[in-house]
C-alpha atoms as a PDB file:
ATOM      1  CA  MET A   1      74.739   3.364  55.082  1.00  0.00           C
ATOM      2  CA  VAL A   2      73.736   6.848  55.338  1.00  0.00           C
ATOM      3  CA  LEU A   3      75.898   9.386  56.415  1.00  0.00           C
ATOM      4  CA  ALA A   4      74.072  11.403  59.444  1.00  0.00           C
ATOM      5  CA  GLY A   5      76.531  13.766  60.645  1.00  0.00           C
ATOM      6  CA  ALA A   6      79.179  13.577  63.084  1.00  0.00           C
ATOM      7  CA  ALA A   7      78.883  10.516  64.887  1.00  0.00           C
ATOM      8  CA  ALA A   8      77.577   8.518  62.319  1.00  0.00           C
ATOM      9  CA  ALA A   9      81.400  10.261  60.223  1.00  0.00           C
ATOM     10  CA  GLY A  10      83.248   8.277  63.012  1.00  0.00           C
ATOM     11  CA  TRP A  11      84.363  11.392  64.922  1.00  0.00           C
ATOM     12  CA  GLY A  12      82.244  10.605  67.836  1.00  0.00           C
ATOM     13  CA  SER A  13      80.560  13.270  69.933  1.00  0.00           C
ATOM     14  CA  GLY A  14      84.547  14.810  70.294  1.00  0.00           C
ATOM     15  CA  GLY A  15      83.521  16.821  66.924  1.00  0.00           C
ATOM     16  CA  PRO A  16      86.204  16.928  63.935  1.00  0.00           C
ATOM     17  CA  PRO A  17      90.027  16.356  64.905  1.00  0.00           C
ATOM     18  CA  GLU A  18      91.657  19.603  64.008  1.00  0.00           C
ATOM     19  CA  GLY A  19      94.272  19.752  61.461  1.00  0.00           C
ATOM     20  CA  PRO A  20      96.653  21.885  59.819  1.00  0.00           C
ATOM     21  CA  PRO A  21      95.874  24.106  58.069  1.00  0.00           C
ATOM     22  CA  GLY A  22      97.197  23.399  54.514  1.00  0.00           C
ATOM     23  CA  GLY A  23      97.281  20.239  55.714  1.00  0.00           C
ATOM     24  CA  PRO A  24      95.396  17.225  54.192  1.00  0.00           C
ATOM     25  CA  PRO A  25      92.257  17.128  52.923  1.00  0.00           C
ATOM     26  CA  ASP A  26      88.882  17.703  55.382  1.00  0.00           C
ATOM     27  CA  PRO A  27      87.869  14.368  56.866  1.00  0.00           C
ATOM     28  CA  ILE A  28      84.041  14.974  56.292  1.00  0.00           C
ATOM     29  CA  LEU A  29      85.257  15.272  52.756  1.00  0.00           C
ATOM     30  CA  LEU A  30      87.618  12.105  52.603  1.00  0.00           C
ATOM     31  CA  SER A  31      84.251  10.504  54.114  1.00  0.00           C
ATOM     32  CA  LEU A  32      81.715  11.655  51.998  1.00  0.00           C
ATOM     33  CA  LYS A  33      83.905  10.910  48.916  1.00  0.00           C
ATOM     34  CA  GLU A  34      84.352   7.451  50.105  1.00  0.00           C
ATOM     35  CA  SER A  35      80.789   6.527  51.876  1.00  0.00           C
ATOM     36  CA  GLU A  36      78.601   4.306  49.213  1.00  0.00           C
ATOM     37  CA  GLN A  37      76.086   6.303  49.647  1.00  0.00           C
ATOM     38  CA  LEU A  38      75.831  10.008  49.837  1.00  0.00           C
ATOM     39  CA  PRO A  39      73.653  11.574  52.748  1.00  0.00           C
ATOM     40  CA  GLU A  40      70.503  12.544  51.670  1.00  0.00           C
ATOM     41  CA  ASP A  41      70.830  16.308  53.602  1.00  0.00           C
ATOM     42  CA  PRO A  42      74.425  16.820  52.341  1.00  0.00           C
ATOM     43  CA  GLN A  43      73.915  20.352  53.276  1.00  0.00           C
ATOM     44  CA  GLN A  44      72.981  19.151  57.298  1.00  0.00           C
ATOM     45  CA  VAL A  45      76.257  17.279  57.370  1.00  0.00           C
ATOM     46  CA  PHE A  46      78.080  20.322  57.037  1.00  0.00           C
ATOM     47  CA  ILE A  47      75.892  22.218  59.347  1.00  0.00           C
ATOM     48  CA  ASP A  48      76.186  18.902  62.040  1.00  0.00           C
ATOM     49  CA  TYR A  49      79.460  19.119  61.364  1.00  0.00           C
ATOM     50  CA  PHE A  50      80.944  22.749  61.128  1.00  0.00           C
ATOM     51  CA  GLY A  51      78.157  23.900  63.193  1.00  0.00           C
ATOM     52  CA  GLU A  52      75.453  26.689  62.257  1.00  0.00           C
ATOM     53  CA  TYR A  53      76.828  30.374  61.411  1.00  0.00           C
ATOM     54  CA  ARG A  54      74.507  33.206  60.460  1.00  0.00           C
ATOM     55  CA  ASP A  55      77.419  35.816  58.871  1.00  0.00           C
ATOM     56  CA  PRO A  56      76.198  39.147  60.454  1.00  0.00           C
ATOM     57  CA  ILE A  57      76.054  40.752  56.986  1.00  0.00           C
ATOM     58  CA  LEU A  58      73.122  38.710  56.158  1.00  0.00           C
ATOM     59  CA  ASP A  59      71.372  41.674  59.396  1.00  0.00           C
ATOM     60  CA  VAL A  60      72.410  44.221  57.219  1.00  0.00           C
ATOM     61  CA  ILE A  61      71.108  42.815  53.895  1.00  0.00           C
ATOM     62  CA  GLU A  62      68.031  41.682  55.041  1.00  0.00           C
ATOM     63  CA  GLU A  63      67.777  45.435  56.537  1.00  0.00           C
ATOM     64  CA  LEU A  64      68.975  47.181  53.001  1.00  0.00           C
ATOM     65  CA  ASN A  65      65.763  44.705  51.403  1.00  0.00           C
ATOM     66  CA  SER A  66      63.658  46.111  54.017  1.00  0.00           C
ATOM     67  CA  LYS A  67      64.445  49.800  52.790  1.00  0.00           C
ATOM     68  CA  LYS A  68      64.544  49.269  49.110  1.00  0.00           C
ATOM     69  CA  GLU A  69      60.636  48.123  49.463  1.00  0.00           C
ATOM     70  CA  THR A  70      59.621  50.719  52.029  1.00  0.00           C
ATOM     71  CA  LEU A  71      61.252  53.472  48.854  1.00  0.00           C
ATOM     72  CA  LYS A  72      59.803  51.624  46.296  1.00  0.00           C
ATOM     73  CA  ALA A  73      56.613  52.184  47.840  1.00  0.00           C
ATOM     74  CA  GLU A  74      56.725  55.484  49.096  1.00  0.00           C
ATOM     75  CA  LYS A  75      58.255  56.385  45.331  1.00  0.00           C
ATOM     76  CA  ALA A  76      55.196  54.466  43.986  1.00  0.00           C
ATOM     77  CA  GLN A  77      52.829  56.969  46.946  1.00  0.00           C
ATOM     78  CA  MET A  78      54.906  60.342  45.552  1.00  0.00           C
ATOM     79  CA  GLU A  79      54.390  59.637  41.547  1.00  0.00           C
ATOM     80  CA  GLN A  80      50.884  59.187  42.148  1.00  0.00           C
ATOM     81  CA  ALA A  81      50.896  62.444  44.514  1.00  0.00           C
ATOM     82  CA  ILE A  82      52.876  64.366  41.277  1.00  0.00           C
ATOM     83  CA  ILE A  83      50.102  63.075  38.750  1.00  0.00           C
ATOM     84  CA  GLU A  84      47.975  64.702  40.886  1.00  0.00           C
ATOM     85  CA  LEU A  85      49.470  67.939  41.384  1.00  0.00           C
ATOM     86  CA  GLY A  86      49.830  68.161  37.618  1.00  0.00           C
ATOM     87  CA  GLN A  87      45.954  67.631  37.500  1.00  0.00           C
ATOM     88  CA  GLN A  88      45.247  70.335  39.688  1.00  0.00           C
ATOM     89  CA  GLN A  89      47.613  72.330  37.967  1.00  0.00           C
ATOM     90  CA  GLN A  90      45.730  71.437  34.591  1.00  0.00           C
ATOM     91  CA  GLN A  91      42.565  72.573  35.869  1.00  0.00           C
ATOM     92  CA  GLN A  92      43.760  75.487  37.584  1.00  0.00           C
ATOM     93  CA  GLN A  93      45.069  76.911  34.412  1.00  0.00           C
ATOM     94  CA  GLN A  94      42.094  75.732  32.834  1.00  0.00           C
ATOM     95  CA  GLN A  95      40.143  77.992  35.568  1.00  0.00           C
ATOM     96  CA  GLN A  96      42.124  81.018  34.981  1.00  0.00           C
ATOM     97  CA  GLN A  97      41.975  80.974  31.069  1.00  0.00           C
ATOM     98  CA  GLN A  98      38.064  80.907  31.150  1.00  0.00           C
ATOM     99  CA  GLN A  99      38.111  83.636  33.940  1.00  0.00           C
ATOM    100  CA  GLN A 100      40.194  85.731  31.359  1.00  0.00           C
ATOM    101  CA  GLN A 101      37.804  85.266  28.579  1.00  0.00           C
ATOM    102  CA  GLN A 102      34.692  85.919  30.554  1.00  0.00           C
ATOM    103  CA  HIS A 103      36.670  89.187  32.210  1.00  0.00           C
ATOM    104  CA  LYS A 104      37.782  89.912  28.867  1.00  0.00           C
ATOM    105  CA  GLU A 105      33.762  89.305  27.456  1.00  0.00           C
ATOM    106  CA  GLN A 106      32.818  91.340  29.843  1.00  0.00           C
ATOM    107  CA  GLN A 107      34.670  94.344  28.782  1.00  0.00           C
ATOM    108  CA  GLN A 108      33.930  94.020  25.949  1.00  0.00           C
ATOM    109  CA  GLN A 109      30.361  94.264  26.435  1.00  0.00           C
ATOM    110  CA  HIS A 110      31.052  97.807  28.259  1.00  0.00           C
ATOM    111  CA  GLN A 111      32.503  99.374  25.534  1.00  0.00           C
END
């Protein structure tokens, strides 16, 4: 027999019975422990029993991960821009050096 949720565990449509905090173990755990065959999808059994819950912190985590990916992409673009600016600066320095050299040569020719 495969356990398929609260109804199959013998709790009917009313859901699991309420127990006192710190009291005996939860009936679903006892039911799973004592069953002859474990459920095919134990996670779904717990979802059926306790209900689905999405912690709001997961939304925050997803937002932070999204921002992280955006920042990674921006970082890569900025690093590329830095490299290009460095190359431009080197080219400008070389051009200035060439112009200075040409200017010196012209001055030497006039003297």
